[in-house]
Amino acid sequence: MEQIGIQSLTSMVSHLVFITITWRLLQAIHLDGILKKGRVFEGRLLLMFLTITIGTAVSNFFLDFLLWSRNLQFLL
């Protein structure tokens, strides 16, 4: 039971860390040039959705890789 709790906490922290990193990286991109004038809210919402999507995908890859590396012991 404790292992499930630790895995859940690790997943939550990983997702939040990678979403935060992605947010900081996407802030460096100026999307103003491709957005219509007066569509600030929609642009911010798009940026938020992109951040969640990319951050979650990277976090899932990281967590999968961590799980795969733990399962390598079963090869022996």
PDB file of N, CA and C in Angstrom:
ATOM      1  N   MET A   1       0.820  -1.192   0.000  1.00  0.00           N
ATOM      2  CA  MET A   1       0.000   0.000   0.000  1.00  0.00           C
ATOM      3  C   MET A   1       0.864   1.256   0.000  1.00  0.00           C
ATOM      4  N   GLU A   2       1.939   1.214   0.781  1.00  0.00           N
ATOM      5  CA  GLU A   2       2.824   2.372   0.865  1.00  0.00           C
ATOM      6  C   GLU A   2       3.483   2.660  -0.481  1.00  0.00           C
ATOM      7  N   GLN A   3       3.803   1.585  -1.215  1.00  0.00           N
ATOM      8  CA  GLN A   3       4.450   1.743  -2.530  1.00  0.00           C
ATOM      9  C   GLN A   3       3.531   2.498  -3.498  1.00  0.00           C
ATOM     10  N   ILE A   4       2.232   2.234  -3.433  1.00  0.00           N
ATOM     11  CA  ILE A   4       1.275   2.919  -4.304  1.00  0.00           C
ATOM     12  C   ILE A   4       1.226   4.404  -3.966  1.00  0.00           C
ATOM     13  N   GLY A   5       1.257   4.725  -2.658  1.00  0.00           N
ATOM     14  CA  GLY A   5       1.261   6.120  -2.233  1.00  0.00           C
ATOM     15  C   GLY A   5       2.505   6.855  -2.700  1.00  0.00           C
ATOM     16  N   ILE A   6       3.650   6.194  -2.601  1.00  0.00           N
ATOM     17  CA  ILE A   6       4.909   6.803  -3.051  1.00  0.00           C
ATOM     18  C   ILE A   6       4.889   7.013  -4.556  1.00  0.00           C
ATOM     19  N   GLN A   7       4.371   6.034  -5.295  1.00  0.00           N
ATOM     20  CA  GLN A   7       4.284   6.162  -6.746  1.00  0.00           C
ATOM     21  C   GLN A   7       3.344   7.305  -7.141  1.00  0.00           C
ATOM     22  N   SER A   8       2.240   7.442  -6.431  1.00  0.00           N
ATOM     23  CA  SER A   8       1.297   8.525  -6.711  1.00  0.00           C
ATOM     24  C   SER A   8       1.926   9.890  -6.441  1.00  0.00           C
ATOM     25  N   LEU A   9       2.609  10.007  -5.325  1.00  0.00           N
ATOM     26  CA  LEU A   9       3.276  11.265  -4.984  1.00  0.00           C
ATOM     27  C   LEU A   9       4.360  11.609  -6.002  1.00  0.00           C
ATOM     28  N   THR A  10       5.130  10.602  -6.412  1.00  0.00           N
ATOM     29  CA  THR A  10       6.168  10.814  -7.423  1.00  0.00           C
ATOM     30  C   THR A  10       5.558  11.290  -8.739  1.00  0.00           C
ATOM     31  N   SER A  11       4.455  10.694  -9.134  1.00  0.00           N
ATOM     32  CA  SER A  11       3.790  11.088 -10.383  1.00  0.00           C
ATOM     33  C   SER A  11       3.269  12.521 -10.309  1.00  0.00           C
ATOM     34  N   MET A  12       2.650  12.883  -9.192  1.00  0.00           N
ATOM     35  CA  MET A  12       2.116  14.229  -9.040  1.00  0.00           C
ATOM     36  C   MET A  12       3.229  15.275  -9.061  1.00  0.00           C
ATOM     37  N   VAL A  13       4.300  15.008  -8.332  1.00  0.00           N
ATOM     38  CA  VAL A  13       5.417  15.954  -8.296  1.00  0.00           C
ATOM     39  C   VAL A  13       6.067  16.061  -9.672  1.00  0.00           C
ATOM     40  N   SER A  14       6.243  14.926 -10.342  1.00  0.00           N
ATOM     41  CA  SER A  14       6.844  14.940 -11.674  1.00  0.00           C
ATOM     42  C   SER A  14       6.013  15.763 -12.651  1.00  0.00           C
ATOM     43  N   HIS A  15       4.719  15.560 -12.643  1.00  0.00           N
ATOM     44  CA  HIS A  15       3.848  16.322 -13.544  1.00  0.00           C
ATOM     45  C   HIS A  15       3.942  17.819 -13.249  1.00  0.00           C
ATOM     46  N   LEU A  16       3.875  18.187 -11.991  1.00  0.00           N
ATOM     47  CA  LEU A  16       3.944  19.608 -11.646  1.00  0.00           C
ATOM     48  C   LEU A  16       5.288  20.227 -12.019  1.00  0.00           C
ATOM     49  N   VAL A  17       6.368  19.492 -11.806  1.00  0.00           N
ATOM     50  CA  VAL A  17       7.706  20.008 -12.147  1.00  0.00           C
ATOM     51  C   VAL A  17       7.828  20.207 -13.651  1.00  0.00           C
ATOM     52  N   PHE A  18       7.435  19.210 -14.430  1.00  0.00           N
ATOM     53  CA  PHE A  18       7.583  19.333 -15.879  1.00  0.00           C
ATOM     54  C   PHE A  18       6.600  20.335 -16.483  1.00  0.00           C
ATOM     55  N   ILE A  19       5.428  20.486 -15.911  1.00  0.00           N
ATOM     56  CA  ILE A  19       4.505  21.518 -16.379  1.00  0.00           C
ATOM     57  C   ILE A  19       5.081  22.901 -16.082  1.00  0.00           C
ATOM     58  N   THR A  20       5.679  23.070 -14.913  1.00  0.00           N
ATOM     59  CA  THR A  20       6.305  24.350 -14.565  1.00  0.00           C
ATOM     60  C   THR A  20       7.471  24.663 -15.486  1.00  0.00           C
ATOM     61  N   ILE A  21       8.305  23.672 -15.757  1.00  0.00           N
ATOM     62  CA  ILE A  21       9.447  23.875 -16.668  1.00  0.00           C
ATOM     63  C   ILE A  21       8.943  24.242 -18.054  1.00  0.00           C
ATOM     64  N   THR A  22       7.921  23.543 -18.525  1.00  0.00           N
ATOM     65  CA  THR A  22       7.367  23.829 -19.856  1.00  0.00           C
ATOM     66  C   THR A  22       6.775  25.235 -19.905  1.00  0.00           C
ATOM     67  N   TRP A  23       6.093  25.649 -18.854  1.00  0.00           N
ATOM     68  CA  TRP A  23       5.522  26.998 -18.797  1.00  0.00           C
ATOM     69  C   TRP A  23       6.617  28.040 -18.946  1.00  0.00           C
ATOM     70  N   ARG A  24       7.714  27.842 -18.199  1.00  0.00           N
ATOM     71  CA  ARG A  24       8.831  28.795 -18.261  1.00  0.00           C
ATOM     72  C   ARG A  24       9.444  28.822 -19.672  1.00  0.00           C
ATOM     73  N   LEU A  25       9.554  27.678 -20.294  1.00  0.00           N
ATOM     74  CA  LEU A  25      10.123  27.620 -21.645  1.00  0.00           C
ATOM     75  C   LEU A  25       9.206  28.274 -22.674  1.00  0.00           C
ATOM     76  N   LEU A  26       7.921  28.043 -22.553  1.00  0.00           N
ATOM     77  CA  LEU A  26       6.989  28.621 -23.527  1.00  0.00           C
ATOM     78  C   LEU A  26       6.821  30.130 -23.335  1.00  0.00           C
ATOM     79  N   GLN A  27       7.154  30.637 -22.168  1.00  0.00           N
ATOM     80  CA  GLN A  27       7.101  32.079 -21.941  1.00  0.00           C
ATOM     81  C   GLN A  27       8.135  32.805 -22.806  1.00  0.00           C
ATOM     82  N   ALA A  28       9.189  32.097 -23.198  1.00  0.00           N
ATOM     83  CA  ALA A  28      10.236  32.709 -24.012  1.00  0.00           C
ATOM     84  C   ALA A  28       9.808  32.876 -25.470  1.00  0.00           C
ATOM     85  N   ILE A  29       8.736  32.190 -25.862  1.00  0.00           N
ATOM     86  CA  ILE A  29       8.246  32.274 -27.236  1.00  0.00           C
ATOM     87  C   ILE A  29       7.212  33.389 -27.318  1.00  0.00           C
ATOM     88  N   HIS A  30       7.375  34.272 -28.277  1.00  0.00           N
ATOM     89  CA  HIS A  30       6.425  35.372 -28.465  1.00  0.00           C
ATOM     90  C   HIS A  30       5.361  34.940 -29.468  1.00  0.00           C
ATOM     91  N   LEU A  31       4.211  34.586 -28.936  1.00  0.00           N
ATOM     92  CA  LEU A  31       3.114  34.142 -29.789  1.00  0.00           C
ATOM     93  C   LEU A  31       2.258  35.296 -30.292  1.00  0.00           C
ATOM     94  N   ASP A  32       2.623  36.514 -29.939  1.00  0.00           N
ATOM     95  CA  ASP A  32       1.827  37.681 -30.320  1.00  0.00           C
ATOM     96  C   ASP A  32       1.713  37.834 -31.832  1.00  0.00           C
ATOM     97  N   GLY A  33       2.737  37.438 -32.543  1.00  0.00           N
ATOM     98  CA  GLY A  33       2.744  37.602 -33.992  1.00  0.00           C
ATOM     99  C   GLY A  33       1.764  36.700 -34.720  1.00  0.00           C
ATOM    100  N   ILE A  34       1.423  35.557 -34.142  1.00  0.00           N
ATOM    101  CA  ILE A  34       0.517  34.637 -34.826  1.00  0.00           C
ATOM    102  C   ILE A  34      -0.915  34.720 -34.316  1.00  0.00           C
ATOM    103  N   LEU A  35      -1.148  35.517 -33.274  1.00  0.00           N
ATOM    104  CA  LEU A  35      -2.495  35.671 -32.740  1.00  0.00           C
ATOM    105  C   LEU A  35      -3.163  36.914 -33.310  1.00  0.00           C
ATOM    106  N   LYS A  36      -4.462  36.843 -33.424  1.00  0.00           N
ATOM    107  CA  LYS A  36      -5.222  38.009 -33.876  1.00  0.00           C
ATOM    108  C   LYS A  36      -5.216  39.067 -32.785  1.00  0.00           C
ATOM    109  N   LYS A  37      -5.312  40.310 -33.195  1.00  0.00           N
ATOM    110  CA  LYS A  37      -5.363  41.408 -32.226  1.00  0.00           C
ATOM    111  C   LYS A  37      -6.631  41.299 -31.394  1.00  0.00           C
ATOM    112  N   GLY A  38      -6.490  41.575 -30.108  1.00  0.00           N
ATOM    113  CA  GLY A  38      -7.636  41.534 -29.216  1.00  0.00           C
ATOM    114  C   GLY A  38      -7.988  40.140 -28.715  1.00  0.00           C
ATOM    115  N   ARG A  39      -7.150  39.166 -29.004  1.00  0.00           N
ATOM    116  CA  ARG A  39      -7.417  37.784 -28.576  1.00  0.00           C
ATOM    117  C   ARG A  39      -6.421  37.348 -27.506  1.00  0.00           C
ATOM    118  N   VAL A  40      -6.224  38.205 -26.522  1.00  0.00           N
ATOM    119  CA  VAL A  40      -5.245  37.936 -25.464  1.00  0.00           C
ATOM    120  C   VAL A  40      -5.690  36.748 -24.618  1.00  0.00           C
ATOM    121  N   PHE A  41      -6.959  36.705 -24.241  1.00  0.00           N
ATOM    122  CA  PHE A  41      -7.460  35.614 -23.406  1.00  0.00           C
ATOM    123  C   PHE A  41      -7.284  34.271 -24.101  1.00  0.00           C
ATOM    124  N   GLU A  42      -7.659  34.212 -25.378  1.00  0.00           N
ATOM    125  CA  GLU A  42      -7.536  32.969 -26.129  1.00  0.00           C
ATOM    126  C   GLU A  42      -6.075  32.549 -26.274  1.00  0.00           C
ATOM    127  N   GLY A  43      -5.199  33.517 -26.447  1.00  0.00           N
ATOM    128  CA  GLY A  43      -3.770  33.219 -26.545  1.00  0.00           C
ATOM    129  C   GLY A  43      -3.215  32.648 -25.254  1.00  0.00           C
ATOM    130  N   ARG A  44      -3.627  33.210 -24.131  1.00  0.00           N
ATOM    131  CA  ARG A  44      -3.172  32.697 -22.828  1.00  0.00           C
ATOM    132  C   ARG A  44      -3.736  31.310 -22.557  1.00  0.00           C
ATOM    133  N   LEU A  45      -4.983  31.096 -22.943  1.00  0.00           N
ATOM    134  CA  LEU A  45      -5.598  29.782 -22.761  1.00  0.00           C
ATOM    135  C   LEU A  45      -4.893  28.736 -23.628  1.00  0.00           C
ATOM    136  N   LEU A  46      -4.567  29.109 -24.862  1.00  0.00           N
ATOM    137  CA  LEU A  46      -3.816  28.211 -25.739  1.00  0.00           C
ATOM    138  C   LEU A  46      -2.457  27.886 -25.132  1.00  0.00           C
ATOM    139  N   LEU A  47      -1.787  28.883 -24.608  1.00  0.00           N
ATOM    140  CA  LEU A  47      -0.487  28.678 -23.979  1.00  0.00           C
ATOM    141  C   LEU A  47      -0.614  27.752 -22.772  1.00  0.00           C
ATOM    142  N   MET A  48      -1.669  27.902 -22.003  1.00  0.00           N
ATOM    143  CA  MET A  48      -1.883  27.043 -20.839  1.00  0.00           C
ATOM    144  C   MET A  48      -2.139  25.592 -21.271  1.00  0.00           C
ATOM    145  N   PHE A  49      -2.962  25.403 -22.297  1.00  0.00           N
ATOM    146  CA  PHE A  49      -3.236  24.047 -22.779  1.00  0.00           C
ATOM    147  C   PHE A  49      -1.984  23.399 -23.375  1.00  0.00           C
ATOM    148  N   LEU A  50      -1.207  24.168 -24.130  1.00  0.00           N
ATOM    149  CA  LEU A  50       0.050  23.647 -24.665  1.00  0.00           C
ATOM    150  C   LEU A  50       1.006  23.253 -23.544  1.00  0.00           C
ATOM    151  N   THR A  51       1.058  24.077 -22.519  1.00  0.00           N
ATOM    152  CA  THR A  51       1.925  23.794 -21.376  1.00  0.00           C
ATOM    153  C   THR A  51       1.535  22.488 -20.702  1.00  0.00           C
ATOM    154  N   ILE A  52       0.250  22.319 -20.437  1.00  0.00           N
ATOM    155  CA  ILE A  52      -0.216  21.097 -19.775  1.00  0.00           C
ATOM    156  C   ILE A  52       0.038  19.874 -20.653  1.00  0.00           C
ATOM    157  N   THR A  53      -0.232  19.993 -21.947  1.00  0.00           N
ATOM    158  CA  THR A  53      -0.058  18.871 -22.860  1.00  0.00           C
ATOM    159  C   THR A  53       1.407  18.452 -22.968  1.00  0.00           C
ATOM    160  N   ILE A  54       2.283  19.402 -23.218  1.00  0.00           N
ATOM    161  CA  ILE A  54       3.710  19.089 -23.376  1.00  0.00           C
ATOM    162  C   ILE A  54       4.305  18.628 -22.049  1.00  0.00           C
ATOM    163  N   GLY A  55       4.006  19.333 -20.963  1.00  0.00           N
ATOM    164  CA  GLY A  55       4.550  18.967 -19.655  1.00  0.00           C
ATOM    165  C   GLY A  55       4.121  17.578 -19.218  1.00  0.00           C
ATOM    166  N   THR A  56       2.853  17.240 -19.447  1.00  0.00           N
ATOM    167  CA  THR A  56       2.357  15.917 -19.077  1.00  0.00           C
ATOM    168  C   THR A  56       3.002  14.830 -19.936  1.00  0.00           C
ATOM    169  N   ALA A  57       3.174  15.086 -21.221  1.00  0.00           N
ATOM    170  CA  ALA A  57       3.807  14.105 -22.101  1.00  0.00           C
ATOM    171  C   ALA A  57       5.256  13.845 -21.682  1.00  0.00           C
ATOM    172  N   VAL A  58       5.983  14.888 -21.374  1.00  0.00           N
ATOM    173  CA  VAL A  58       7.372  14.726 -20.946  1.00  0.00           C
ATOM    174  C   VAL A  58       7.424  14.005 -19.598  1.00  0.00           C
ATOM    175  N   SER A  59       6.532  14.353 -18.691  1.00  0.00           N
ATOM    176  CA  SER A  59       6.485  13.695 -17.391  1.00  0.00           C
ATOM    177  C   SER A  59       6.149  12.214 -17.534  1.00  0.00           C
ATOM    178  N   ASN A  60       5.197  11.885 -18.390  1.00  0.00           N
ATOM    179  CA  ASN A  60       4.858  10.474 -18.626  1.00  0.00           C
ATOM    180  C   ASN A  60       6.050   9.709 -19.179  1.00  0.00           C
ATOM    181  N   PHE A  61       6.782  10.320 -20.093  1.00  0.00           N
ATOM    182  CA  PHE A  61       7.983   9.674 -20.616  1.00  0.00           C
ATOM    183  C   PHE A  61       8.987   9.427 -19.496  1.00  0.00           C
ATOM    184  N   PHE A  62       9.204  10.445 -18.656  1.00  0.00           N
ATOM    185  CA  PHE A  62      10.134  10.319 -17.539  1.00  0.00           C
ATOM    186  C   PHE A  62       9.704   9.207 -16.579  1.00  0.00           C
ATOM    187  N   LEU A  63       8.422   9.167 -16.240  1.00  0.00           N
ATOM    188  CA  LEU A  63       7.919   8.150 -15.319  1.00  0.00           C
ATOM    189  C   LEU A  63       7.983   6.753 -15.934  1.00  0.00           C
ATOM    190  N   ASP A  64       7.671   6.644 -17.228  1.00  0.00           N
ATOM    191  CA  ASP A  64       7.802   5.348 -17.909  1.00  0.00           C
ATOM    192  C   ASP A  64       9.243   4.878 -17.908  1.00  0.00           C
ATOM    193  N   PHE A  65      10.157   5.784 -18.205  1.00  0.00           N
ATOM    194  CA  PHE A  65      11.572   5.433 -18.233  1.00  0.00           C
ATOM    195  C   PHE A  65      12.038   4.979 -16.850  1.00  0.00           C
ATOM    196  N   LEU A  66      11.564   5.651 -15.805  1.00  0.00           N
ATOM    197  CA  LEU A  66      11.893   5.269 -14.436  1.00  0.00           C
ATOM    198  C   LEU A  66      11.360   3.869 -14.122  1.00  0.00           C
ATOM    199  N   LEU A  67      10.137   3.589 -14.525  1.00  0.00           N
ATOM    200  CA  LEU A  67       9.548   2.273 -14.307  1.00  0.00           C
ATOM    201  C   LEU A  67      10.306   1.203 -15.079  1.00  0.00           C
ATOM    202  N   TRP A  68      10.652   1.489 -16.325  1.00  0.00           N
ATOM    203  CA  TRP A  68      11.394   0.515 -17.123  1.00  0.00           C
ATOM    204  C   TRP A  68      12.758   0.217 -16.510  1.00  0.00           C
ATOM    205  N   SER A  69      13.402   1.242 -15.999  1.00  0.00           N
ATOM    206  CA  SER A  69      14.724   1.015 -15.392  1.00  0.00           C
ATOM    207  C   SER A  69      14.589   0.177 -14.116  1.00  0.00           C
ATOM    208  N   ARG A  70      13.508   0.340 -13.371  1.00  0.00           N
ATOM    209  CA  ARG A  70      13.274  -0.505 -12.196  1.00  0.00           C
ATOM    210  C   ARG A  70      13.005  -1.946 -12.582  1.00  0.00           C
ATOM    211  N   ASN A  71      12.340  -2.154 -13.715  1.00  0.00           N
ATOM    212  CA  ASN A  71      11.982  -3.501 -14.158  1.00  0.00           C
ATOM    213  C   ASN A  71      13.158  -4.232 -14.802  1.00  0.00           C
ATOM    214  N   LEU A  72      14.261  -3.577 -15.045  1.00  0.00           N
ATOM    215  CA  LEU A  72      15.427  -4.246 -15.641  1.00  0.00           C
ATOM    216  C   LEU A  72      15.977  -5.351 -14.748  1.00  0.00           C
ATOM    217  N   GLN A  73      15.723  -5.264 -13.460  1.00  0.00           N
ATOM    218  CA  GLN A  73      16.215  -6.286 -12.537  1.00  0.00           C
ATOM    219  C   GLN A  73      15.596  -7.649 -12.822  1.00  0.00           C
ATOM    220  N   PHE A  74      14.455  -7.687 -13.479  1.00  0.00           N
ATOM    221  CA  PHE A  74      13.793  -8.949 -13.780  1.00  0.00           C
ATOM    222  C   PHE A  74      14.418  -9.669 -14.973  1.00  0.00           C
ATOM    223  N   LEU A  75      15.381  -9.033 -15.644  1.00  0.00           N
ATOM    224  CA  LEU A  75      16.088  -9.689 -16.741  1.00  0.00           C
ATOM    225  C   LEU A  75      17.082 -10.732 -16.225  1.00  0.00           C
ATOM    226  N   LEU A  76      17.554 -10.520 -15.033  1.00  0.00           N
ATOM    227  CA  LEU A  76      18.579 -11.419 -14.474  1.00  0.00           C
ATOM    228  C   LEU A  76      17.989 -12.640 -13.844  1.00  0.00           C
TER     229      LEU A  76
END
